[in-house]
Structures are given as structure tokens and as C-alpha cells.
Amino acid sequence: QLQLVESGGGLVEPGGSMTLSCAVSGRRRRLVAMGWYRQVPGAQREWVAMIVSDHRPVYSDSVKGRFTISRNDTRNAVYLQMNNLKIEDTATYYCNVHTSEPNTYWGQGTQVPVSS
């Protein structure tokens, strides 16, 4: 089993920036892909960004050019740098990892309200 813990959420003004972090702990697994999703109440969870083991990032169209995903395999961590935040980015953000077994794990989520 793996445990994922997100941090870095909180209130931010439109146009502002924020970095989310996700620390992965537990029995050593090969983390094939690491990513971020987000969800607002009443809606389905939406994929935001993903980075695979060769460190190639992919982004949803809604965040491309504003968000940057990165990973640190030494620290078993994944990050999401969010710039030029918009009100529509308001959501609970979830960290997600896929292992080579294959299994999928989720964090508990961190809230990012974008408001003036």
C-alpha cells in the first residue's frame, strides 16, 4: 500500500500562483505515472496533468501554458506549479499515482479556492 499526502492548498487571488506538493510513502513501488486531478462539488473528477516515468508531462487544455507538473523520484514526490490562476480553477485537487503492478492510488485532496 502507498499513502499519498497533498499539501500547499489554500485561498489564492485570481492571477496568483500556488504550488501543490504530493508526498508518496509506503512500500517501495515503481511509480509509472504521477498526476493531478481536480473536482468541484456535483461534478466528475477532472484530469489536470500527468507525468510519466520518462518525465514527459501532459496537460489538459484548460491548464496548458499555466500549470507545470514535475516529479522528484528520489523524494517520491510530485508537484503542480499553478500560475495565472482563474476562478474556474477553484476545486479540490487530488494527487494520483499509477504503479507497475498495476495499482492506482489517490491522496485525500487539498482545496484551492480562487477568489478575490
PDB file of N, CA and C in Angstrom:
ATOM      1  N   GLN A   1       0.822  -1.188   0.000  1.00  0.00           N
ATOM      2  CA  GLN A   1       0.000   0.000   0.000  1.00  0.00           C
ATOM      3  C   GLN A   1       0.865   1.251   0.000  1.00  0.00           C
ATOM      4  N   LEU A   2       0.379   2.247  -0.684  1.00  0.00           N
ATOM      5  CA  LEU A   2       1.043   3.537  -0.693  1.00  0.00           C
ATOM      6  C   LEU A   2       0.129   4.577  -0.056  1.00  0.00           C
ATOM      7  N   GLN A   3       0.741   5.568   0.551  1.00  0.00           N
ATOM      8  CA  GLN A   3      -0.003   6.696   1.101  1.00  0.00           C
ATOM      9  C   GLN A   3       0.430   7.956   0.364  1.00  0.00           C
ATOM     10  N   LEU A   4      -0.554   8.756  -0.032  1.00  0.00           N
ATOM     11  CA  LEU A   4      -0.280   9.998  -0.742  1.00  0.00           C
ATOM     12  C   LEU A   4      -0.826  11.148   0.095  1.00  0.00           C
ATOM     13  N   VAL A   5       0.003  12.130   0.332  1.00  0.00           N
ATOM     14  CA  VAL A   5      -0.415  13.278   1.142  1.00  0.00           C
ATOM     15  C   VAL A   5      -0.132  14.556   0.366  1.00  0.00           C
ATOM     16  N   GLU A   6      -1.210  15.289   0.044  1.00  0.00           N
ATOM     17  CA  GLU A   6      -1.058  16.560  -0.648  1.00  0.00           C
ATOM     18  C   GLU A   6      -0.858  17.695   0.357  1.00  0.00           C
ATOM     19  N   SER A   7      -0.212  18.733  -0.093  1.00  0.00           N
ATOM     20  CA  SER A   7      -0.059  19.944   0.711  1.00  0.00           C
ATOM     21  C   SER A   7       0.071  21.140  -0.222  1.00  0.00           C
ATOM     22  N   GLY A   8      -0.120  22.316   0.335  1.00  0.00           N
ATOM     23  CA  GLY A   8       0.071  23.538  -0.435  1.00  0.00           C
ATOM     24  C   GLY A   8      -1.196  24.234  -0.874  1.00  0.00           C
ATOM     25  N   GLY A   9      -2.356  23.698  -0.585  1.00  0.00           N
ATOM     26  CA  GLY A   9      -3.593  24.344  -0.983  1.00  0.00           C
ATOM     27  C   GLY A   9      -3.921  25.538  -0.108  1.00  0.00           C
ATOM     28  N   GLY A  10      -4.966  26.271  -0.502  1.00  0.00           N
ATOM     29  CA  GLY A  10      -5.402  27.426   0.260  1.00  0.00           C
ATOM     30  C   GLY A  10      -5.932  28.501  -0.653  1.00  0.00           C
ATOM     31  N   LEU A  11      -6.448  29.558  -0.053  1.00  0.00           N
ATOM     32  CA  LEU A  11      -7.055  30.647  -0.803  1.00  0.00           C
ATOM     33  C   LEU A  11      -6.001  31.415  -1.599  1.00  0.00           C
ATOM     34  N   VAL A  12      -6.329  31.697  -2.852  1.00  0.00           N
ATOM     35  CA  VAL A  12      -5.430  32.464  -3.711  1.00  0.00           C
ATOM     36  C   VAL A  12      -6.276  33.386  -4.570  1.00  0.00           C
ATOM     37  N   GLU A  13      -5.745  34.549  -4.872  1.00  0.00           N
ATOM     38  CA  GLU A  13      -6.480  35.513  -5.688  1.00  0.00           C
ATOM     39  C   GLU A  13      -6.333  35.194  -7.176  1.00  0.00           C
ATOM     40  N   PRO A  14      -7.301  35.592  -7.970  1.00  0.00           N
ATOM     41  CA  PRO A  14      -7.166  35.410  -9.420  1.00  0.00           C
ATOM     42  C   PRO A  14      -5.882  36.059  -9.930  1.00  0.00           C
ATOM     43  N   GLY A  15      -5.194  35.346 -10.797  1.00  0.00           N
ATOM     44  CA  GLY A  15      -3.912  35.819 -11.304  1.00  0.00           C
ATOM     45  C   GLY A  15      -2.733  35.392 -10.461  1.00  0.00           C
ATOM     46  N   GLY A  16      -3.011  34.831  -9.311  1.00  0.00           N
ATOM     47  CA  GLY A  16      -1.949  34.418  -8.411  1.00  0.00           C
ATOM     48  C   GLY A  16      -1.364  33.064  -8.761  1.00  0.00           C
ATOM     49  N   SER A  17      -0.407  32.649  -7.941  1.00  0.00           N
ATOM     50  CA  SER A  17       0.295  31.383  -8.165  1.00  0.00           C
ATOM     51  C   SER A  17       0.285  30.554  -6.895  1.00  0.00           C
ATOM     52  N   MET A  18       0.432  29.267  -7.089  1.00  0.00           N
ATOM     53  CA  MET A  18       0.474  28.347  -5.954  1.00  0.00           C
ATOM     54  C   MET A  18       1.131  27.059  -6.415  1.00  0.00           C
ATOM     55  N   THR A  19       1.825  26.414  -5.492  1.00  0.00           N
ATOM     56  CA  THR A  19       2.438  25.122  -5.786  1.00  0.00           C
ATOM     57  C   THR A  19       1.861  24.060  -4.860  1.00  0.00           C
ATOM     58  N   LEU A  20       1.365  23.003  -5.450  1.00  0.00           N
ATOM     59  CA  LEU A  20       0.895  21.853  -4.692  1.00  0.00           C
ATOM     60  C   LEU A  20       1.982  20.785  -4.672  1.00  0.00           C
ATOM     61  N   SER A  21       2.072  20.102  -3.557  1.00  0.00           N
ATOM     62  CA  SER A  21       3.030  19.010  -3.419  1.00  0.00           C
ATOM     63  C   SER A  21       2.295  17.744  -3.020  1.00  0.00           C
ATOM     64  N   CYS A  22       2.848  16.623  -3.418  1.00  0.00           N
ATOM     65  CA  CYS A  22       2.283  15.331  -3.034  1.00  0.00           C
ATOM     66  C   CYS A  22       3.432  14.406  -2.678  1.00  0.00           C
ATOM     67  N   ALA A  23       3.444  13.966  -1.439  1.00  0.00           N
ATOM     68  CA  ALA A  23       4.470  13.047  -0.962  1.00  0.00           C
ATOM     69  C   ALA A  23       3.912  11.636  -0.942  1.00  0.00           C
ATOM     70  N   VAL A  24       4.661  10.716  -1.521  1.00  0.00           N
ATOM     71  CA  VAL A  24       4.254   9.313  -1.595  1.00  0.00           C
ATOM     72  C   VAL A  24       5.097   8.505  -0.628  1.00  0.00           C
ATOM     73  N   SER A  25       4.447   7.723   0.231  1.00  0.00           N
ATOM     74  CA  SER A  25       5.173   6.894   1.181  1.00  0.00           C
ATOM     75  C   SER A  25       4.583   5.494   1.192  1.00  0.00           C
ATOM     76  N   GLY A  26       5.308   4.580   1.811  1.00  0.00           N
ATOM     77  CA  GLY A  26       4.851   3.206   1.880  1.00  0.00           C
ATOM     78  C   GLY A  26       5.840   2.276   1.222  1.00  0.00           C
ATOM     79  N   ARG A  27       5.408   1.043   1.015  1.00  0.00           N
ATOM     80  CA  ARG A  27       6.300   0.049   0.424  1.00  0.00           C
ATOM     81  C   ARG A  27       6.753   0.500  -0.958  1.00  0.00           C
ATOM     82  N   ARG A  28       7.999   0.347  -1.231  1.00  0.00           N
ATOM     83  CA  ARG A  28       8.586   0.827  -2.470  1.00  0.00           C
ATOM     84  C   ARG A  28       7.872   0.222  -3.667  1.00  0.00           C
ATOM     85  N   ARG A  29       7.449   1.069  -4.576  1.00  0.00           N
ATOM     86  CA  ARG A  29       6.817   0.643  -5.817  1.00  0.00           C
ATOM     87  C   ARG A  29       7.413   1.448  -6.963  1.00  0.00           C
ATOM     88  N   ARG A  30       7.379   0.907  -8.149  1.00  0.00           N
ATOM     89  CA  ARG A  30       7.780   1.688  -9.319  1.00  0.00           C
ATOM     90  C   ARG A  30       6.605   2.561  -9.704  1.00  0.00           C
ATOM     91  N   LEU A  31       6.800   3.855  -9.637  1.00  0.00           N
ATOM     92  CA  LEU A  31       5.742   4.807  -9.935  1.00  0.00           C
ATOM     93  C   LEU A  31       5.785   5.120 -11.421  1.00  0.00           C
ATOM     94  N   VAL A  32       4.926   4.471 -12.179  1.00  0.00           N
ATOM     95  CA  VAL A  32       4.954   4.610 -13.625  1.00  0.00           C
ATOM     96  C   VAL A  32       4.490   5.995 -14.039  1.00  0.00           C
ATOM     97  N   ALA A  33       3.431   6.458 -13.422  1.00  0.00           N
ATOM     98  CA  ALA A  33       2.884   7.768 -13.749  1.00  0.00           C
ATOM     99  C   ALA A  33       2.390   8.443 -12.478  1.00  0.00           C
ATOM    100  N   MET A  34       2.562   9.764 -12.442  1.00  0.00           N
ATOM    101  CA  MET A  34       2.101  10.558 -11.319  1.00  0.00           C
ATOM    102  C   MET A  34       1.320  11.735 -11.877  1.00  0.00           C
ATOM    103  N   GLY A  35       0.227  12.075 -11.240  1.00  0.00           N
ATOM    104  CA  GLY A  35      -0.583  13.129 -11.818  1.00  0.00           C
ATOM    105  C   GLY A  35      -1.459  13.844 -10.818  1.00  0.00           C
ATOM    106  N   TRP A  36      -2.204  14.790 -11.361  1.00  0.00           N
ATOM    107  CA  TRP A  36      -3.129  15.586 -10.571  1.00  0.00           C
ATOM    108  C   TRP A  36      -4.493  15.612 -11.245  1.00  0.00           C
ATOM    109  N   TYR A  37      -5.520  15.525 -10.421  1.00  0.00           N
ATOM    110  CA  TYR A  37      -6.902  15.670 -10.843  1.00  0.00           C
ATOM    111  C   TYR A  37      -7.528  16.753  -9.964  1.00  0.00           C
ATOM    112  N   ARG A  38      -8.696  17.204 -10.370  1.00  0.00           N
ATOM    113  CA  ARG A  38      -9.425  18.155  -9.540  1.00  0.00           C
ATOM    114  C   ARG A  38     -10.916  17.897  -9.648  1.00  0.00           C
ATOM    115  N   GLN A  39     -11.629  18.350  -8.638  1.00  0.00           N
ATOM    116  CA  GLN A  39     -13.068  18.091  -8.592  1.00  0.00           C
ATOM    117  C   GLN A  39     -13.775  19.225  -7.862  1.00  0.00           C
ATOM    118  N   VAL A  40     -14.906  19.625  -8.430  1.00  0.00           N
ATOM    119  CA  VAL A  40     -15.782  20.588  -7.765  1.00  0.00           C
ATOM    120  C   VAL A  40     -17.050  19.848  -7.366  1.00  0.00           C
ATOM    121  N   PRO A  41     -17.733  20.315  -6.342  1.00  0.00           N
ATOM    122  CA  PRO A  41     -18.951  19.623  -5.878  1.00  0.00           C
ATOM    123  C   PRO A  41     -19.963  19.466  -7.002  1.00  0.00           C
ATOM    124  N   GLY A  42     -20.489  18.259  -7.115  1.00  0.00           N
ATOM    125  CA  GLY A  42     -21.513  17.986  -8.107  1.00  0.00           C
ATOM    126  C   GLY A  42     -20.985  17.638  -9.478  1.00  0.00           C
ATOM    127  N   ALA A  43     -19.671  17.634  -9.640  1.00  0.00           N
ATOM    128  CA  ALA A  43     -19.082  17.337 -10.944  1.00  0.00           C
ATOM    129  C   ALA A  43     -18.148  16.142 -10.838  1.00  0.00           C
ATOM    130  N   GLN A  44     -17.843  15.557 -12.006  1.00  0.00           N
ATOM    131  CA  GLN A  44     -16.906  14.440 -12.028  1.00  0.00           C
ATOM    132  C   GLN A  44     -15.479  14.943 -11.816  1.00  0.00           C
ATOM    133  N   ARG A  45     -14.652  14.050 -11.326  1.00  0.00           N
ATOM    134  CA  ARG A  45     -13.248  14.387 -11.154  1.00  0.00           C
ATOM    135  C   ARG A  45     -12.628  14.600 -12.528  1.00  0.00           C
ATOM    136  N   GLU A  46     -11.863  15.665 -12.647  1.00  0.00           N
ATOM    137  CA  GLU A  46     -11.297  16.075 -13.923  1.00  0.00           C
ATOM    138  C   GLU A  46      -9.786  15.890 -13.913  1.00  0.00           C
ATOM    139  N   TRP A  47      -9.260  15.288 -14.970  1.00  0.00           N
ATOM    140  CA  TRP A  47      -7.819  15.130 -15.074  1.00  0.00           C
ATOM    141  C   TRP A  47      -7.186  16.480 -15.392  1.00  0.00           C
ATOM    142  N   VAL A  48      -6.064  16.800 -14.732  1.00  0.00           N
ATOM    143  CA  VAL A  48      -5.383  18.075 -14.911  1.00  0.00           C
ATOM    144  C   VAL A  48      -4.044  17.895 -15.619  1.00  0.00           C
ATOM    145  N   ALA A  49      -3.201  17.020 -15.072  1.00  0.00           N
ATOM    146  CA  ALA A  49      -1.860  16.864 -15.629  1.00  0.00           C
ATOM    147  C   ALA A  49      -1.289  15.528 -15.187  1.00  0.00           C
ATOM    148  N   MET A  50      -0.347  15.024 -15.975  1.00  0.00           N
ATOM    149  CA  MET A  50       0.299  13.776 -15.631  1.00  0.00           C
ATOM    150  C   MET A  50       1.729  13.798 -16.132  1.00  0.00           C
ATOM    151  N   ILE A  51       2.598  13.105 -15.391  1.00  0.00           N
ATOM    152  CA  ILE A  51       3.988  12.974 -15.814  1.00  0.00           C
ATOM    153  C   ILE A  51       4.374  11.520 -15.647  1.00  0.00           C
ATOM    154  N   VAL A  52       4.914  10.946 -16.709  1.00  0.00           N
ATOM    155  CA  VAL A  52       5.233   9.517 -16.678  1.00  0.00           C
ATOM    156  C   VAL A  52       6.699   9.331 -16.295  1.00  0.00           C
ATOM    157  N   SER A  53       7.146   8.085 -16.226  1.00  0.00           N
ATOM    158  CA  SER A  53       8.457   7.787 -15.667  1.00  0.00           C
ATOM    159  C   SER A  53       9.591   8.367 -16.489  1.00  0.00           C
ATOM    160  N   ASP A  54       9.332   8.646 -17.767  1.00  0.00           N
ATOM    161  CA  ASP A  54      10.383   9.277 -18.568  1.00  0.00           C
ATOM    162  C   ASP A  54      10.324  10.800 -18.460  1.00  0.00           C
ATOM    163  N   HIS A  55       9.502  11.290 -17.544  1.00  0.00           N
ATOM    164  CA  HIS A  55       9.377  12.703 -17.225  1.00  0.00           C
ATOM    165  C   HIS A  55       8.762  13.540 -18.335  1.00  0.00           C
ATOM    166  N   ARG A  56       7.985  12.916 -19.187  1.00  0.00           N
ATOM    167  CA  ARG A  56       7.253  13.694 -20.183  1.00  0.00           C
ATOM    168  C   ARG A  56       5.920  14.119 -19.590  1.00  0.00           C
ATOM    169  N   PRO A  57       5.659  15.418 -19.501  1.00  0.00           N
ATOM    170  CA  PRO A  57       4.393  15.887 -18.941  1.00  0.00           C
ATOM    171  C   PRO A  57       3.311  16.047 -20.005  1.00  0.00           C
ATOM    172  N   VAL A  58       2.093  15.826 -19.598  1.00  0.00           N
ATOM    173  CA  VAL A  58       0.942  16.103 -20.463  1.00  0.00           C
ATOM    174  C   VAL A  58      -0.079  16.870 -19.635  1.00  0.00           C
ATOM    175  N   TYR A  59      -0.819  17.736 -20.310  1.00  0.00           N
ATOM    176  CA  TYR A  59      -1.738  18.642 -19.612  1.00  0.00           C
ATOM    177  C   TYR A  59      -3.098  18.661 -20.288  1.00  0.00           C
ATOM    178  N   SER A  60      -4.105  18.939 -19.491  1.00  0.00           N
ATOM    179  CA  SER A  60      -5.413  19.188 -20.079  1.00  0.00           C
ATOM    180  C   SER A  60      -5.384  20.567 -20.746  1.00  0.00           C
ATOM    181  N   ASP A  61      -6.244  20.751 -21.709  1.00  0.00           N
ATOM    182  CA  ASP A  61      -6.269  22.020 -22.432  1.00  0.00           C
ATOM    183  C   ASP A  61      -6.586  23.194 -21.504  1.00  0.00           C
ATOM    184  N   SER A  62      -7.333  22.941 -20.461  1.00  0.00           N
ATOM    185  CA  SER A  62      -7.768  24.026 -19.576  1.00  0.00           C
ATOM    186  C   SER A  62      -6.625  24.616 -18.753  1.00  0.00           C
ATOM    187  N   VAL A  63      -5.522  23.882 -18.610  1.00  0.00           N
ATOM    188  CA  VAL A  63      -4.416  24.379 -17.781  1.00  0.00           C
ATOM    189  C   VAL A  63      -3.122  24.522 -18.563  1.00  0.00           C
ATOM    190  N   LYS A  64      -3.111  24.063 -19.802  1.00  0.00           N
ATOM    191  CA  LYS A  64      -1.877  24.096 -20.590  1.00  0.00           C
ATOM    192  C   LYS A  64      -1.360  25.519 -20.707  1.00  0.00           C
ATOM    193  N   GLY A  65      -0.075  25.697 -20.446  1.00  0.00           N
ATOM    194  CA  GLY A  65       0.536  27.014 -20.504  1.00  0.00           C
ATOM    195  C   GLY A  65       0.509  27.759 -19.182  1.00  0.00           C
ATOM    196  N   ARG A  66      -0.281  27.270 -18.237  1.00  0.00           N
ATOM    197  CA  ARG A  66      -0.362  27.933 -16.923  1.00  0.00           C
ATOM    198  C   ARG A  66       0.151  27.045 -15.790  1.00  0.00           C
ATOM    199  N   PHE A  67      -0.041  25.745 -15.918  1.00  0.00           N
ATOM    200  CA  PHE A  67       0.363  24.797 -14.883  1.00  0.00           C
ATOM    201  C   PHE A  67       1.589  24.012 -15.353  1.00  0.00           C
ATOM    202  N   THR A  68       2.434  23.647 -14.393  1.00  0.00           N
ATOM    203  CA  THR A  68       3.605  22.832 -14.673  1.00  0.00           C
ATOM    204  C   THR A  68       3.678  21.698 -13.664  1.00  0.00           C
ATOM    205  N   ILE A  69       3.743  20.479 -14.164  1.00  0.00           N
ATOM    206  CA  ILE A  69       3.883  19.325 -13.294  1.00  0.00           C
ATOM    207  C   ILE A  69       5.330  18.848 -13.321  1.00  0.00           C
ATOM    208  N   SER A  70       5.810  18.408 -12.164  1.00  0.00           N
ATOM    209  CA  SER A  70       7.165  17.875 -12.085  1.00  0.00           C
ATOM    210  C   SER A  70       7.185  16.772 -11.026  1.00  0.00           C
ATOM    211  N   ARG A  71       8.220  15.959 -11.085  1.00  0.00           N
ATOM    212  CA  ARG A  71       8.340  14.873 -10.115  1.00  0.00           C
ATOM    213  C   ARG A  71       9.780  14.758  -9.648  1.00  0.00           C
ATOM    214  N   ASN A  72       9.930  14.298  -8.428  1.00  0.00           N
ATOM    215  CA  ASN A  72      11.242  14.037  -7.858  1.00  0.00           C
ATOM    216  C   ASN A  72      11.246  12.583  -7.427  1.00  0.00           C
ATOM    217  N   ASP A  73      11.880  11.727  -8.194  1.00  0.00           N
ATOM    218  CA  ASP A  73      11.846  10.293  -7.909  1.00  0.00           C
ATOM    219  C   ASP A  73      12.670   9.936  -6.680  1.00  0.00           C
ATOM    220  N   THR A  74      13.642  10.747  -6.342  1.00  0.00           N
ATOM    221  CA  THR A  74      14.425  10.490  -5.129  1.00  0.00           C
ATOM    222  C   THR A  74      13.562  10.689  -3.891  1.00  0.00           C
ATOM    223  N   ARG A  75      12.702  11.705  -3.952  1.00  0.00           N
ATOM    224  CA  ARG A  75      11.837  12.009  -2.818  1.00  0.00           C
ATOM    225  C   ARG A  75      10.459  11.378  -2.951  1.00  0.00           C
ATOM    226  N   ASN A  76      10.204  10.672  -4.048  1.00  0.00           N
ATOM    227  CA  ASN A  76       8.868  10.107  -4.288  1.00  0.00           C
ATOM    228  C   ASN A  76       7.804  11.193  -4.142  1.00  0.00           C
ATOM    229  N   ALA A  77       7.965  12.249  -4.900  1.00  0.00           N
ATOM    230  CA  ALA A  77       7.047  13.374  -4.798  1.00  0.00           C
ATOM    231  C   ALA A  77       6.691  13.897  -6.181  1.00  0.00           C
ATOM    232  N   VAL A  78       5.528  14.481  -6.251  1.00  0.00           N
ATOM    233  CA  VAL A  78       5.083  15.128  -7.488  1.00  0.00           C
ATOM    234  C   VAL A  78       4.546  16.506  -7.109  1.00  0.00           C
ATOM    235  N   TYR A  79       4.753  17.456  -8.008  1.00  0.00           N
ATOM    236  CA  TYR A  79       4.401  18.831  -7.730  1.00  0.00           C
ATOM    237  C   TYR A  79       3.545  19.394  -8.858  1.00  0.00           C
ATOM    238  N   LEU A  80       2.762  20.406  -8.510  1.00  0.00           N
ATOM    239  CA  LEU A  80       1.973  21.099  -9.521  1.00  0.00           C
ATOM    240  C   LEU A  80       2.130  22.597  -9.273  1.00  0.00           C
ATOM    241  N   GLN A  81       2.882  23.248 -10.150  1.00  0.00           N
ATOM    242  CA  GLN A  81       3.044  24.697 -10.091  1.00  0.00           C
ATOM    243  C   GLN A  81       1.907  25.312 -10.899  1.00  0.00           C
ATOM    244  N   MET A  82       1.108  26.144 -10.247  1.00  0.00           N
ATOM    245  CA  MET A  82      -0.059  26.741 -10.903  1.00  0.00           C
ATOM    246  C   MET A  82       0.134  28.250 -10.974  1.00  0.00           C
ATOM    247  N   ASN A  83       0.152  28.782 -12.171  1.00  0.00           N
ATOM    248  CA  ASN A  83       0.316  30.212 -12.394  1.00  0.00           C
ATOM    249  C   ASN A  83      -0.928  30.791 -13.049  1.00  0.00           C
ATOM    250  N   ASN A  84      -1.087  32.105 -12.919  1.00  0.00           N
ATOM    251  CA  ASN A  84      -2.217  32.799 -13.528  1.00  0.00           C
ATOM    252  C   ASN A  84      -3.534  32.079 -13.224  1.00  0.00           C
ATOM    253  N   LEU A  85      -3.748  31.836 -11.960  1.00  0.00           N
ATOM    254  CA  LEU A  85      -4.929  31.082 -11.553  1.00  0.00           C
ATOM    255  C   LEU A  85      -6.201  31.850 -11.866  1.00  0.00           C
ATOM    256  N   LYS A  86      -7.222  31.106 -12.266  1.00  0.00           N
ATOM    257  CA  LYS A  86      -8.518  31.663 -12.614  1.00  0.00           C
ATOM    258  C   LYS A  86      -9.567  31.159 -11.617  1.00  0.00           C
ATOM    259  N   ILE A  87     -10.667  31.888 -11.540  1.00  0.00           N
ATOM    260  CA  ILE A  87     -11.729  31.475 -10.631  1.00  0.00           C
ATOM    261  C   ILE A  87     -12.196  30.066 -10.951  1.00  0.00           C
ATOM    262  N   GLU A  88     -12.207  29.716 -12.238  1.00  0.00           N
ATOM    263  CA  GLU A  88     -12.657  28.388 -12.643  1.00  0.00           C
ATOM    264  C   GLU A  88     -11.671  27.278 -12.285  1.00  0.00           C
ATOM    265  N   ASP A  89     -10.495  27.642 -11.757  1.00  0.00           N
ATOM    266  CA  ASP A  89      -9.564  26.637 -11.258  1.00  0.00           C
ATOM    267  C   ASP A  89      -9.911  26.204  -9.842  1.00  0.00           C
ATOM    268  N   THR A  90     -10.882  26.885  -9.228  1.00  0.00           N
ATOM    269  CA  THR A  90     -11.307  26.522  -7.882  1.00  0.00           C
ATOM    270  C   THR A  90     -11.778  25.077  -7.852  1.00  0.00           C
ATOM    271  N   ALA A  91     -11.189  24.284  -6.960  1.00  0.00           N
ATOM    272  CA  ALA A  91     -11.521  22.866  -6.877  1.00  0.00           C
ATOM    273  C   ALA A  91     -10.744  22.239  -5.726  1.00  0.00           C
ATOM    274  N   THR A  92     -11.068  21.000  -5.440  1.00  0.00           N
ATOM    275  CA  THR A  92     -10.218  20.175  -4.594  1.00  0.00           C
ATOM    276  C   THR A  92      -9.289  19.401  -5.522  1.00  0.00           C
ATOM    277  N   TYR A  93      -8.013  19.506  -5.267  1.00  0.00           N
ATOM    278  CA  TYR A  93      -7.007  18.883  -6.122  1.00  0.00           C
ATOM    279  C   TYR A  93      -6.518  17.582  -5.477  1.00  0.00           C
ATOM    280  N   TYR A  94      -6.459  16.544  -6.296  1.00  0.00           N
ATOM    281  CA  TYR A  94      -6.074  15.220  -5.827  1.00  0.00           C
ATOM    282  C   TYR A  94      -4.818  14.736  -6.551  1.00  0.00           C
ATOM    283  N   CYS A  95      -3.930  14.186  -5.780  1.00  0.00           N
ATOM    284  CA  CYS A  95      -2.743  13.554  -6.319  1.00  0.00           C
ATOM    285  C   CYS A  95      -3.084  12.104  -6.685  1.00  0.00           C
ATOM    286  N   ASN A  96      -2.474  11.607  -7.740  1.00  0.00           N
ATOM    287  CA  ASN A  96      -2.765  10.267  -8.242  1.00  0.00           C
ATOM    288  C   ASN A  96      -1.478   9.618  -8.733  1.00  0.00           C
ATOM    289  N   VAL A  97      -1.278   8.346  -8.402  1.00  0.00           N
ATOM    290  CA  VAL A  97      -0.119   7.628  -8.939  1.00  0.00           C
ATOM    291  C   VAL A  97      -0.560   6.275  -9.466  1.00  0.00           C
ATOM    292  N   HIS A  98       0.099   5.863 -10.544  1.00  0.00           N
ATOM    293  CA  HIS A  98      -0.081   4.518 -11.096  1.00  0.00           C
ATOM    294  C   HIS A  98       1.240   3.777 -10.932  1.00  0.00           C
ATOM    295  N   THR A  99       1.137   2.560 -10.400  1.00  0.00           N
ATOM    296  CA  THR A  99       2.349   1.780 -10.222  1.00  0.00           C
ATOM    297  C   THR A  99       2.453   0.705 -11.300  1.00  0.00           C
ATOM    298  N   SER A 100       3.574  -0.005 -11.296  1.00  0.00           N
ATOM    299  CA  SER A 100       3.816  -1.023 -12.315  1.00  0.00           C
ATOM    300  C   SER A 100       3.085  -2.324 -12.019  1.00  0.00           C
ATOM    301  N   GLU A 101       2.355  -2.437 -10.926  1.00  0.00           N
ATOM    302  CA  GLU A 101       1.776  -3.721 -10.518  1.00  0.00           C
ATOM    303  C   GLU A 101       0.662  -4.241 -11.411  1.00  0.00           C
ATOM    304  N   PRO A 102      -0.320  -3.534 -11.925  1.00  0.00           N
ATOM    305  CA  PRO A 102      -0.569  -2.087 -11.755  1.00  0.00           C
ATOM    306  C   PRO A 102      -1.619  -1.800 -10.683  1.00  0.00           C
ATOM    307  N   ASN A 103      -1.406  -0.742  -9.947  1.00  0.00           N
ATOM    308  CA  ASN A 103      -2.386  -0.240  -8.993  1.00  0.00           C
ATOM    309  C   ASN A 103      -2.458   1.281  -9.107  1.00  0.00           C
ATOM    310  N   THR A 104      -3.557   1.805  -8.641  1.00  0.00           N
ATOM    311  CA  THR A 104      -3.754   3.246  -8.643  1.00  0.00           C
ATOM    312  C   THR A 104      -4.049   3.708  -7.230  1.00  0.00           C
ATOM    313  N   TYR A 105      -3.422   4.804  -6.847  1.00  0.00           N
ATOM    314  CA  TYR A 105      -3.594   5.344  -5.508  1.00  0.00           C
ATOM    315  C   TYR A 105      -3.972   6.832  -5.599  1.00  0.00           C
ATOM    316  N   TRP A 106      -4.730   7.273  -4.595  1.00  0.00           N
ATOM    317  CA  TRP A 106      -5.187   8.661  -4.537  1.00  0.00           C
ATOM    318  C   TRP A 106      -4.825   9.295  -3.200  1.00  0.00           C
ATOM    319  N   GLY A 107      -4.591  10.586  -3.230  1.00  0.00           N
ATOM    320  CA  GLY A 107      -4.454  11.331  -2.000  1.00  0.00           C
ATOM    321  C   GLY A 107      -5.809  11.752  -1.477  1.00  0.00           C
ATOM    322  N   GLN A 108      -5.801  12.438  -0.347  1.00  0.00           N
ATOM    323  CA  GLN A 108      -7.050  12.827   0.296  1.00  0.00           C
ATOM    324  C   GLN A 108      -7.601  14.130  -0.259  1.00  0.00           C
ATOM    325  N   GLY A 109      -6.797  14.854  -1.019  1.00  0.00           N
ATOM    326  CA  GLY A 109      -7.246  16.090  -1.638  1.00  0.00           C
ATOM    327  C   GLY A 109      -6.856  17.319  -0.846  1.00  0.00           C
ATOM    328  N   THR A 110      -6.625  18.412  -1.574  1.00  0.00           N
ATOM    329  CA  THR A 110      -6.346  19.698  -0.945  1.00  0.00           C
ATOM    330  C   THR A 110      -7.153  20.762  -1.685  1.00  0.00           C
ATOM    331  N   GLN A 111      -7.778  21.644  -0.938  1.00  0.00           N
ATOM    332  CA  GLN A 111      -8.672  22.617  -1.546  1.00  0.00           C
ATOM    333  C   GLN A 111      -7.917  23.847  -2.026  1.00  0.00           C
ATOM    334  N   VAL A 112      -8.301  24.308  -3.205  1.00  0.00           N
ATOM    335  CA  VAL A 112      -7.716  25.521  -3.771  1.00  0.00           C
ATOM    336  C   VAL A 112      -8.862  26.430  -4.201  1.00  0.00           C
ATOM    337  N   PRO A 113      -9.288  27.332  -3.336  1.00  0.00           N
ATOM    338  CA  PRO A 113     -10.284  28.329  -3.721  1.00  0.00           C
ATOM    339  C   PRO A 113      -9.589  29.528  -4.356  1.00  0.00           C
ATOM    340  N   VAL A 114     -10.045  29.914  -5.541  1.00  0.00           N
ATOM    341  CA  VAL A 114      -9.501  31.083  -6.224  1.00  0.00           C
ATOM    342  C   VAL A 114     -10.567  32.172  -6.162  1.00  0.00           C
ATOM    343  N   SER A 115     -10.284  33.205  -5.399  1.00  0.00           N
ATOM    344  CA  SER A 115     -11.287  34.243  -5.176  1.00  0.00           C
ATOM    345  C   SER A 115     -10.620  35.536  -4.749  1.00  0.00           C
ATOM    346  N   SER A 116     -11.256  36.651  -5.111  1.00  0.00           N
ATOM    347  CA  SER A 116     -10.758  37.945  -4.659  1.00  0.00           C
ATOM    348  C   SER A 116     -11.484  38.374  -3.398  1.00  0.00           C
TER     349      SER A 116
END
